[in-house]
Full PDB file with SEQRES, HELIX, SHEET, SSBOND, CRYST1, ORIGX, SCALE, CONECT and MASTER records, all heavy atoms in Angstrom:
SEQRES   1 A   35  GLN TRP MET LEU ASP LYS GLY MET THR PHE HIS PHE GLY          
SEQRES   2 A   35  ALA ASP PRO LYS GLU ALA LEU THR GLU GLU GLN VAL ILE          
SEQRES   3 A   35  ASP GLN CYS ARG MET TYR ILE ALA ALA                          
HELIX    1 AA1 TRP A    2  ASP A    5  1                                   4    
HELIX    2 AA2 GLU A   22  ALA A   34  1                                  13    
CRYST1    1.000    1.000    1.000  90.00  90.00  90.00 P 1           1          
ORIGX1      1.000000  0.000000  0.000000        0.00000                         
ORIGX2      0.000000  1.000000  0.000000        0.00000                         
ORIGX3      0.000000  0.000000  1.000000        0.00000                         
SCALE1      1.000000  0.000000  0.000000        0.00000                         
SCALE2      0.000000  1.000000  0.000000        0.00000                         
SCALE3      0.000000  0.000000  1.000000        0.00000                         
ATOM      1  N   GLN A   1     140.802  91.203  69.605  1.00  0.00           N  
ATOM      2  CA  GLN A   1     142.031  90.622  70.017  1.00  0.00           C  
ATOM      3  C   GLN A   1     143.183  91.074  69.268  1.00  0.00           C  
ATOM      4  O   GLN A   1     144.286  91.345  69.783  1.00  0.00           O  
ATOM      5  CB  GLN A   1     141.958  89.139  70.100  1.00  0.00           C  
ATOM      6  CG  GLN A   1     143.081  88.400  70.758  1.00  0.00           C  
ATOM      7  CD  GLN A   1     143.249  88.750  72.207  1.00  0.00           C  
ATOM      8  OE1 GLN A   1     142.297  88.746  72.980  1.00  0.00           O  
ATOM      9  NE2 GLN A   1     144.447  89.130  72.607  1.00  0.00           N  
ATOM     10  N   TRP A   2     142.978  91.260  67.901  1.00  0.00           N  
ATOM     11  CA  TRP A   2     144.027  91.803  67.027  1.00  0.00           C  
ATOM     12  C   TRP A   2     144.501  93.146  67.552  1.00  0.00           C  
ATOM     13  O   TRP A   2     145.776  93.327  67.590  1.00  0.00           O  
ATOM     14  CB  TRP A   2     143.476  91.832  65.593  1.00  0.00           C  
ATOM     15  CG  TRP A   2     144.502  92.140  64.628  1.00  0.00           C  
ATOM     16  CD1 TRP A   2     145.172  91.354  63.762  1.00  0.00           C  
ATOM     17  CD2 TRP A   2     144.958  93.523  64.236  1.00  0.00           C  
ATOM     18  NE1 TRP A   2     146.032  92.019  62.911  1.00  0.00           N  
ATOM     19  CE2 TRP A   2     145.927  93.360  63.157  1.00  0.00           C  
ATOM     20  CE3 TRP A   2     144.624  94.784  64.695  1.00  0.00           C  
ATOM     21  CZ2 TRP A   2     146.508  94.489  62.599  1.00  0.00           C  
ATOM     22  CZ3 TRP A   2     145.293  95.945  64.123  1.00  0.00           C  
ATOM     23  CH2 TRP A   2     146.146  95.779  63.062  1.00  0.00           C  
ATOM     24  N   MET A   3     143.647  93.977  67.924  1.00  0.00           N  
ATOM     25  CA  MET A   3     144.018  95.297  68.423  1.00  0.00           C  
ATOM     26  C   MET A   3     144.723  95.201  69.748  1.00  0.00           C  
ATOM     27  O   MET A   3     145.665  95.909  70.002  1.00  0.00           O  
ATOM     28  CB  MET A   3     142.688  96.280  68.485  1.00  0.00           C  
ATOM     29  CG  MET A   3     142.179  96.629  67.177  1.00  0.00           C  
ATOM     30  SD  MET A   3     140.848  97.913  67.271  1.00  0.00           S  
ATOM     31  CE  MET A   3     139.506  96.793  67.681  1.00  0.00           C  
ATOM     32  N   LEU A   4     144.312  94.346  70.596  1.00  0.00           N  
ATOM     33  CA  LEU A   4     144.918  94.201  71.879  1.00  0.00           C  
ATOM     34  C   LEU A   4     146.314  93.638  71.690  1.00  0.00           C  
ATOM     35  O   LEU A   4     147.249  94.165  72.362  1.00  0.00           O  
ATOM     36  CB  LEU A   4     144.092  93.169  72.824  1.00  0.00           C  
ATOM     37  CG  LEU A   4     142.793  93.623  73.285  1.00  0.00           C  
ATOM     38  CD1 LEU A   4     142.121  92.418  74.067  1.00  0.00           C  
ATOM     39  CD2 LEU A   4     142.881  94.850  74.201  1.00  0.00           C  
ATOM     40  N   ASP A   5     146.444  92.728  70.727  1.00  0.00           N  
ATOM     41  CA  ASP A   5     147.845  92.197  70.467  1.00  0.00           C  
ATOM     42  C   ASP A   5     148.728  93.237  69.911  1.00  0.00           C  
ATOM     43  O   ASP A   5     150.049  93.201  70.120  1.00  0.00           O  
ATOM     44  CB  ASP A   5     147.716  91.053  69.441  1.00  0.00           C  
ATOM     45  CG  ASP A   5     147.064  89.820  70.111  1.00  0.00           C  
ATOM     46  OD1 ASP A   5     146.927  89.707  71.350  1.00  0.00           O  
ATOM     47  OD2 ASP A   5     146.612  88.955  69.294  1.00  0.00           O  
ATOM     48  N   LYS A   6     148.212  94.273  69.297  1.00  0.00           N  
ATOM     49  CA  LYS A   6     149.006  95.395  68.739  1.00  0.00           C  
ATOM     50  C   LYS A   6     149.287  96.416  69.846  1.00  0.00           C  
ATOM     51  O   LYS A   6     150.113  97.377  69.588  1.00  0.00           O  
ATOM     52  CB  LYS A   6     148.280  96.119  67.584  1.00  0.00           C  
ATOM     53  CG  LYS A   6     148.150  95.218  66.313  1.00  0.00           C  
ATOM     54  CD  LYS A   6     149.513  94.981  65.696  1.00  0.00           C  
ATOM     55  CE  LYS A   6     149.352  94.110  64.406  1.00  0.00           C  
ATOM     56  NZ  LYS A   6     150.693  93.819  63.779  1.00  0.00           N  
ATOM     57  N   GLY A   7     148.760  96.213  71.006  1.00  0.00           N  
ATOM     58  CA  GLY A   7     149.082  97.130  72.171  1.00  0.00           C  
ATOM     59  C   GLY A   7     148.147  98.222  72.374  1.00  0.00           C  
ATOM     60  O   GLY A   7     148.391  99.139  73.214  1.00  0.00           O  
ATOM     61  N   MET A   8     146.929  98.248  71.684  1.00  0.00           N  
ATOM     62  CA  MET A   8     145.994  99.290  71.993  1.00  0.00           C  
ATOM     63  C   MET A   8     145.360  99.101  73.410  1.00  0.00           C  
ATOM     64  O   MET A   8     145.111  98.034  73.789  1.00  0.00           O  
ATOM     65  CB  MET A   8     144.899  99.322  70.938  1.00  0.00           C  
ATOM     66  CG  MET A   8     143.901 100.452  70.988  1.00  0.00           C  
ATOM     67  SD  MET A   8     142.870 100.591  69.550  1.00  0.00           S  
ATOM     68  CE  MET A   8     141.702 101.795  70.157  1.00  0.00           C  
ATOM     69  N   THR A   9     145.018 100.278  74.000  1.00  0.00           N  
ATOM     70  CA  THR A   9     144.477 100.247  75.359  1.00  0.00           C  
ATOM     71  C   THR A   9     143.037 100.670  75.271  1.00  0.00           C  
ATOM     72  O   THR A   9     142.657 101.713  74.695  1.00  0.00           O  
ATOM     73  CB  THR A   9     145.236 101.217  76.231  1.00  0.00           C  
ATOM     74  OG1 THR A   9     146.649 100.897  76.297  1.00  0.00           O  
ATOM     75  CG2 THR A   9     144.640 101.274  77.637  1.00  0.00           C  
ATOM     76  N   PHE A  10     142.195  99.912  75.980  1.00  0.00           N  
ATOM     77  CA  PHE A  10     140.704 100.207  76.094  1.00  0.00           C  
ATOM     78  C   PHE A  10     140.406 100.532  77.512  1.00  0.00           C  
ATOM     79  O   PHE A  10     140.767  99.780  78.438  1.00  0.00           O  
ATOM     80  CB  PHE A  10     139.902  99.085  75.606  1.00  0.00           C  
ATOM     81  CG  PHE A  10     139.959  98.744  74.166  1.00  0.00           C  
ATOM     82  CD1 PHE A  10     140.972  97.977  73.610  1.00  0.00           C  
ATOM     83  CD2 PHE A  10     139.010  99.384  73.267  1.00  0.00           C  
ATOM     84  CE1 PHE A  10     141.102  97.774  72.254  1.00  0.00           C  
ATOM     85  CE2 PHE A  10     139.132  99.085  71.906  1.00  0.00           C  
ATOM     86  CZ  PHE A  10     140.167  98.318  71.458  1.00  0.00           C  
ATOM     87  N   HIS A  11     139.748 101.657  77.791  1.00  0.00           N  
ATOM     88  CA  HIS A  11     139.501 102.060  79.147  1.00  0.00           C  
ATOM     89  C   HIS A  11     138.040 101.730  79.413  1.00  0.00           C  
ATOM     90  O   HIS A  11     137.000 102.455  79.077  1.00  0.00           O  
ATOM     91  CB  HIS A  11     139.650 103.598  79.307  1.00  0.00           C  
ATOM     92  CG  HIS A  11     141.062 104.048  79.024  1.00  0.00           C  
ATOM     93  ND1 HIS A  11     142.080 104.030  80.045  1.00  0.00           N  
ATOM     94  CD2 HIS A  11     141.754 104.513  77.881  1.00  0.00           C  
ATOM     95  CE1 HIS A  11     143.178 104.509  79.502  1.00  0.00           C  
ATOM     96  NE2 HIS A  11     143.018 104.755  78.283  1.00  0.00           N  
ATOM     97  N   PHE A  12     137.861 100.590  80.194  1.00  0.00           N  
ATOM     98  CA  PHE A  12     136.488 100.035  80.393  1.00  0.00           C  
ATOM     99  C   PHE A  12     136.002 100.481  81.814  1.00  0.00           C  
ATOM    100  O   PHE A  12     136.774 100.814  82.716  1.00  0.00           O  
ATOM    101  CB  PHE A  12     136.522  98.548  80.324  1.00  0.00           C  
ATOM    102  CG  PHE A  12     136.756  97.991  78.929  1.00  0.00           C  
ATOM    103  CD1 PHE A  12     137.694  97.018  78.739  1.00  0.00           C  
ATOM    104  CD2 PHE A  12     136.004  98.514  77.853  1.00  0.00           C  
ATOM    105  CE1 PHE A  12     137.905  96.530  77.435  1.00  0.00           C  
ATOM    106  CE2 PHE A  12     136.182  97.918  76.624  1.00  0.00           C  
ATOM    107  CZ  PHE A  12     137.168  97.004  76.405  1.00  0.00           C  
ATOM    108  N   GLY A  13     134.655 100.448  81.897  1.00  0.00           N  
ATOM    109  CA  GLY A  13     134.044 100.738  83.282  1.00  0.00           C  
ATOM    110  C   GLY A  13     132.866  99.723  83.310  1.00  0.00           C  
ATOM    111  O   GLY A  13     132.579  98.994  82.434  1.00  0.00           O  
ATOM    112  N   ALA A  14     132.105  99.918  84.460  1.00  0.00           N  
ATOM    113  CA  ALA A  14     131.032  98.955  84.727  1.00  0.00           C  
ATOM    114  C   ALA A  14     129.678  99.458  84.139  1.00  0.00           C  
ATOM    115  O   ALA A  14     128.929  98.576  83.652  1.00  0.00           O  
ATOM    116  CB  ALA A  14     130.855  98.757  86.237  1.00  0.00           C  
ATOM    117  N   ASP A  15     129.340 100.672  84.193  1.00  0.00           N  
ATOM    118  CA  ASP A  15     128.036 101.275  83.815  1.00  0.00           C  
ATOM    119  C   ASP A  15     128.035 101.574  82.356  1.00  0.00           C  
ATOM    120  O   ASP A  15     128.605 102.498  81.861  1.00  0.00           O  
ATOM    121  CB  ASP A  15     127.703 102.451  84.629  1.00  0.00           C  
ATOM    122  CG  ASP A  15     126.333 103.014  84.271  1.00  0.00           C  
ATOM    123  OD1 ASP A  15     125.629 102.401  83.485  1.00  0.00           O  
ATOM    124  OD2 ASP A  15     126.009 104.060  84.827  1.00  0.00           O  
ATOM    125  N   PRO A  16     127.296 100.786  81.430  1.00  0.00           N  
ATOM    126  CA  PRO A  16     127.399 101.086  80.029  1.00  0.00           C  
ATOM    127  C   PRO A  16     126.727 102.442  79.646  1.00  0.00           C  
ATOM    128  O   PRO A  16     127.009 102.939  78.495  1.00  0.00           O  
ATOM    129  CB  PRO A  16     126.539  99.890  79.419  1.00  0.00           C  
ATOM    130  CG  PRO A  16     125.694  99.430  80.527  1.00  0.00           C  
ATOM    131  CD  PRO A  16     126.546  99.686  81.800  1.00  0.00           C  
ATOM    132  N   LYS A  17     125.993 103.023  80.538  1.00  0.00           N  
ATOM    133  CA  LYS A  17     125.380 104.372  80.261  1.00  0.00           C  
ATOM    134  C   LYS A  17     126.369 105.445  80.290  1.00  0.00           C  
ATOM    135  O   LYS A  17     126.178 106.467  79.641  1.00  0.00           O  
ATOM    136  CB  LYS A  17     124.253 104.578  81.186  1.00  0.00           C  
ATOM    137  CG  LYS A  17     123.031 103.714  81.020  1.00  0.00           C  
ATOM    138  CD  LYS A  17     121.843 104.136  81.952  1.00  0.00           C  
ATOM    139  CE  LYS A  17     120.679 103.206  81.702  1.00  0.00           C  
ATOM    140  NZ  LYS A  17     119.559 103.558  82.631  1.00  0.00           N  
ATOM    141  N   GLU A  18     127.498 105.221  81.053  1.00  0.00           N  
ATOM    142  CA  GLU A  18     128.492 106.270  81.186  1.00  0.00           C  
ATOM    143  C   GLU A  18     129.935 105.811  80.853  1.00  0.00           C  
ATOM    144  O   GLU A  18     130.791 106.562  80.604  1.00  0.00           O  
ATOM    145  CB  GLU A  18     128.442 106.820  82.601  1.00  0.00           C  
ATOM    146  CG  GLU A  18     127.173 107.571  82.937  1.00  0.00           C  
ATOM    147  CD  GLU A  18     126.878 108.811  82.094  1.00  0.00           C  
ATOM    148  OE1 GLU A  18     127.923 109.447  81.579  1.00  0.00           O  
ATOM    149  OE2 GLU A  18     125.738 109.173  81.919  1.00  0.00           O  
ATOM    150  N   ALA A  19     130.149 104.502  80.791  1.00  0.00           N  
ATOM    151  CA  ALA A  19     131.394 103.969  80.605  1.00  0.00           C  
ATOM    152  C   ALA A  19     131.529 103.086  79.441  1.00  0.00           C  
ATOM    153  O   ALA A  19     130.524 102.494  78.955  1.00  0.00           O  
ATOM    154  CB  ALA A  19     131.883 103.104  81.933  1.00  0.00           C  
ATOM    155  N   LEU A  20     132.763 102.914  78.926  1.00  0.00           N  
ATOM    156  CA  LEU A  20     132.935 102.001  77.762  1.00  0.00           C  
ATOM    157  C   LEU A  20     133.008 100.549  78.301  1.00  0.00           C  
ATOM    158  O   LEU A  20     133.585 100.343  79.369  1.00  0.00           O  
ATOM    159  CB  LEU A  20     134.380 102.323  77.146  1.00  0.00           C  
ATOM    160  CG  LEU A  20     134.690 101.505  75.888  1.00  0.00           C  
ATOM    161  CD1 LEU A  20     133.741 101.744  74.750  1.00  0.00           C  
ATOM    162  CD2 LEU A  20     136.100 101.779  75.469  1.00  0.00           C  
ATOM    163  N   THR A  21     132.329  99.667  77.574  1.00  0.00           N  
ATOM    164  CA  THR A  21     132.293  98.273  77.953  1.00  0.00           C  
ATOM    165  C   THR A  21     132.857  97.429  76.860  1.00  0.00           C  
ATOM    166  O   THR A  21     132.808  97.820  75.644  1.00  0.00           O  
ATOM    167  CB  THR A  21     130.844  97.780  78.325  1.00  0.00           C  
ATOM    168  OG1 THR A  21     130.025  97.891  77.151  1.00  0.00           O  
ATOM    169  CG2 THR A  21     130.270  98.662  79.502  1.00  0.00           C  
ATOM    170  N   GLU A  22     133.229  96.218  77.175  1.00  0.00           N  
ATOM    171  CA  GLU A  22     133.766  95.317  76.143  1.00  0.00           C  
ATOM    172  C   GLU A  22     132.687  95.020  75.128  1.00  0.00           C  
ATOM    173  O   GLU A  22     132.912  94.854  73.946  1.00  0.00           O  
ATOM    174  CB  GLU A  22     134.331  94.106  76.797  1.00  0.00           C  
ATOM    175  CG  GLU A  22     135.021  93.084  75.825  1.00  0.00           C  
ATOM    176  CD  GLU A  22     135.656  91.945  76.464  1.00  0.00           C  
ATOM    177  OE1 GLU A  22     134.856  90.868  76.575  1.00  0.00           O  
ATOM    178  OE2 GLU A  22     136.787  91.980  76.923  1.00  0.00           O  
ATOM    179  N   GLU A  23     131.457  94.895  75.578  1.00  0.00           N  
ATOM    180  CA  GLU A  23     130.374  94.600  74.729  1.00  0.00           C  
ATOM    181  C   GLU A  23     130.162  95.614  73.609  1.00  0.00           C  
ATOM    182  O   GLU A  23     129.888  95.339  72.403  1.00  0.00           O  
ATOM    183  CB  GLU A  23     129.074  94.423  75.489  1.00  0.00           C  
ATOM    184  CG  GLU A  23     127.839  94.046  74.659  1.00  0.00           C  
ATOM    185  CD  GLU A  23     126.544  93.939  75.496  1.00  0.00           C  
ATOM    186  OE1 GLU A  23     126.617  94.206  76.691  1.00  0.00           O  
ATOM    187  OE2 GLU A  23     125.549  93.539  74.895  1.00  0.00           O  
ATOM    188  N   GLN A  24     130.352  96.919  74.023  1.00  0.00           N  
ATOM    189  CA  GLN A  24     130.261  97.995  73.082  1.00  0.00           C  
ATOM    190  C   GLN A  24     131.331  97.824  71.983  1.00  0.00           C  
ATOM    191  O   GLN A  24     131.026  97.992  70.774  1.00  0.00           O  
ATOM    192  CB  GLN A  24     130.383  99.323  73.728  1.00  0.00           C  
ATOM    193  CG  GLN A  24     129.229  99.709  74.639  1.00  0.00           C  
ATOM    194  CD  GLN A  24     129.543 100.853  75.545  1.00  0.00           C  
ATOM    195  OE1 GLN A  24     130.363 101.716  75.230  1.00  0.00           O  
ATOM    196  NE2 GLN A  24     128.690 101.086  76.594  1.00  0.00           N  
ATOM    197  N   VAL A  25     132.536  97.541  72.433  1.00  0.00           N  
ATOM    198  CA  VAL A  25     133.651  97.363  71.488  1.00  0.00           C  
ATOM    199  C   VAL A  25     133.422  96.180  70.576  1.00  0.00           C  
ATOM    200  O   VAL A  25     133.733  96.277  69.296  1.00  0.00           O  
ATOM    201  CB  VAL A  25     135.013  97.273  72.231  1.00  0.00           C  
ATOM    202  CG1 VAL A  25     136.108  96.988  71.284  1.00  0.00           C  
ATOM    203  CG2 VAL A  25     135.263  98.535  73.001  1.00  0.00           C  
ATOM    204  N   ILE A  26     132.902  95.100  71.035  1.00  0.00           N  
ATOM    205  CA  ILE A  26     132.607  93.976  70.218  1.00  0.00           C  
ATOM    206  C   ILE A  26     131.625  94.310  69.086  1.00  0.00           C  
ATOM    207  O   ILE A  26     131.748  93.897  67.980  1.00  0.00           O  
ATOM    208  CB  ILE A  26     132.113  92.803  71.059  1.00  0.00           C  
ATOM    209  CG1 ILE A  26     133.210  92.266  72.067  1.00  0.00           C  
ATOM    210  CG2 ILE A  26     131.583  91.659  70.157  1.00  0.00           C  
ATOM    211  CD1 ILE A  26     134.468  91.883  71.392  1.00  0.00           C  
ATOM    212  N   ASP A  27     130.499  95.098  69.533  1.00  0.00           N  
ATOM    213  CA  ASP A  27     129.610  95.529  68.469  1.00  0.00           C  
ATOM    214  C   ASP A  27     130.279  96.444  67.422  1.00  0.00           C  
ATOM    215  O   ASP A  27     129.967  96.394  66.238  1.00  0.00           O  
ATOM    216  CB  ASP A  27     128.419  96.211  69.111  1.00  0.00           C  
ATOM    217  CG  ASP A  27     127.368  95.279  69.588  1.00  0.00           C  
ATOM    218  OD1 ASP A  27     127.376  94.128  69.187  1.00  0.00           O  
ATOM    219  OD2 ASP A  27     126.510  95.660  70.330  1.00  0.00           O  
ATOM    220  N   GLN A  28     131.220  97.267  67.895  1.00  0.00           N  
ATOM    221  CA  GLN A  28     131.945  98.162  66.917  1.00  0.00           C  
ATOM    222  C   GLN A  28     132.838  97.228  66.036  1.00  0.00           C  
ATOM    223  O   GLN A  28     132.922  97.555  64.774  1.00  0.00           O  
ATOM    224  CB  GLN A  28     132.858  99.129  67.652  1.00  0.00           C  
ATOM    225  CG  GLN A  28     132.070 100.206  68.368  1.00  0.00           C  
ATOM    226  CD  GLN A  28     133.015 101.188  69.174  1.00  0.00           C  
ATOM    227  OE1 GLN A  28     133.695 100.740  70.100  1.00  0.00           O  
ATOM    228  NE2 GLN A  28     133.053 102.406  68.724  1.00  0.00           N  
ATOM    229  N   CYS A  29     133.345  96.191  66.516  1.00  0.00           N  
ATOM    230  CA  CYS A  29     134.112  95.300  65.672  1.00  0.00           C  
ATOM    231  C   CYS A  29     133.261  94.593  64.643  1.00  0.00           C  
ATOM    232  O   CYS A  29     133.637  94.304  63.565  1.00  0.00           O  
ATOM    233  CB  CYS A  29     134.898  94.272  66.512  1.00  0.00           C  
ATOM    234  SG  CYS A  29     136.273  94.976  67.415  1.00  0.00           S  
ATOM    235  N   ARG A  30     132.018  94.281  65.116  1.00  0.00           N  
ATOM    236  CA  ARG A  30     130.973  93.710  64.151  1.00  0.00           C  
ATOM    237  C   ARG A  30     130.779  94.730  63.007  1.00  0.00           C  
ATOM    238  O   ARG A  30     130.754  94.307  61.781  1.00  0.00           O  
ATOM    239  CB  ARG A  30     129.718  93.380  64.883  1.00  0.00           C  
ATOM    240  CG  ARG A  30     129.708  92.177  65.705  1.00  0.00           C  
ATOM    241  CD  ARG A  30     128.283  91.843  66.166  1.00  0.00           C  
ATOM    242  NE  ARG A  30     128.064  90.567  66.745  1.00  0.00           N  
ATOM    243  CZ  ARG A  30     128.055  90.379  68.102  1.00  0.00           C  
ATOM    244  NH1 ARG A  30     128.103  91.429  68.870  1.00  0.00           N  
ATOM    245  NH2 ARG A  30     127.978  89.180  68.580  1.00  0.00           N  
ATOM    246  N   MET A  31     130.584  95.988  63.371  1.00  0.00           N  
ATOM    247  CA  MET A  31     130.317  97.045  62.377  1.00  0.00           C  
ATOM    248  C   MET A  31     131.546  97.175  61.428  1.00  0.00           C  
ATOM    249  O   MET A  31     131.268  97.308  60.224  1.00  0.00           O  
ATOM    250  CB  MET A  31     129.976  98.368  63.041  1.00  0.00           C  
ATOM    251  CG  MET A  31     129.466  99.400  62.022  1.00  0.00           C  
ATOM    252  SD  MET A  31     129.469 101.096  62.628  1.00  0.00           S  
ATOM    253  CE  MET A  31     128.274 100.913  63.963  1.00  0.00           C  
ATOM    254  N   TYR A  32     132.704  97.124  61.942  1.00  0.00           N  
ATOM    255  CA  TYR A  32     133.854  97.194  61.172  1.00  0.00           C  
ATOM    256  C   TYR A  32     133.883  96.084  60.084  1.00  0.00           C  
ATOM    257  O   TYR A  32     134.110  96.305  58.872  1.00  0.00           O  
ATOM    258  CB  TYR A  32     135.152  97.138  61.996  1.00  0.00           C  
ATOM    259  CG  TYR A  32     136.417  96.733  61.264  1.00  0.00           C  
ATOM    260  CD1 TYR A  32     137.028  97.695  60.444  1.00  0.00           C  
ATOM    261  CD2 TYR A  32     136.959  95.451  61.403  1.00  0.00           C  
ATOM    262  CE1 TYR A  32     138.174  97.343  59.785  1.00  0.00           C  
ATOM    263  CE2 TYR A  32     138.141  95.141  60.750  1.00  0.00           C  
ATOM    264  CZ  TYR A  32     138.721  96.039  59.929  1.00  0.00           C  
ATOM    265  OH  TYR A  32     139.921  95.695  59.222  1.00  0.00           O  
ATOM    266  N   ILE A  33     133.652  94.905  60.479  1.00  0.00           N  
ATOM    267  CA  ILE A  33     133.683  93.766  59.589  1.00  0.00           C  
ATOM    268  C   ILE A  33     132.544  93.810  58.534  1.00  0.00           C  
ATOM    269  O   ILE A  33     132.762  93.594  57.349  1.00  0.00           O  
ATOM    270  CB  ILE A  33     133.469  92.379  60.329  1.00  0.00           C  
ATOM    271  CG1 ILE A  33     134.826  92.206  61.189  1.00  0.00           C  
ATOM    272  CG2 ILE A  33     133.335  91.238  59.449  1.00  0.00           C  
ATOM    273  CD1 ILE A  33     134.623  91.135  62.290  1.00  0.00           C  
ATOM    274  N   ALA A  34     131.371  94.313  58.956  1.00  0.00           N  
ATOM    275  CA  ALA A  34     130.275  94.469  58.059  1.00  0.00           C  
ATOM    276  C   ALA A  34     130.518  95.567  57.109  1.00  0.00           C  
ATOM    277  O   ALA A  34     130.320  95.379  55.830  1.00  0.00           O  
ATOM    278  CB  ALA A  34     129.028  94.812  58.849  1.00  0.00           C  
ATOM    279  N   ALA A  35     131.197  96.624  57.488  1.00  0.00           N  
ATOM    280  CA  ALA A  35     131.454  97.771  56.580  1.00  0.00           C  
ATOM    281  C   ALA A  35     132.469  97.305  55.454  1.00  0.00           C  
ATOM    282  O   ALA A  35     132.359  97.639  54.340  1.00  0.00           O  
ATOM    283  CB  ALA A  35     132.057  98.923  57.372  1.00  0.00           C  
TER     284      ALA A  35                                                      
MASTER        0    0    0    2    0    0    0    6  283    1    0    3          
END                                                                             
């Protein structure tokens, strides 16, 4: 949400095998916090 509030754009699609999904980004945010 912090990134969204800063104006970053995420290009999402329905099929996780070929498209970016919100779930993938949430896991990346988990990795960021862990790192």
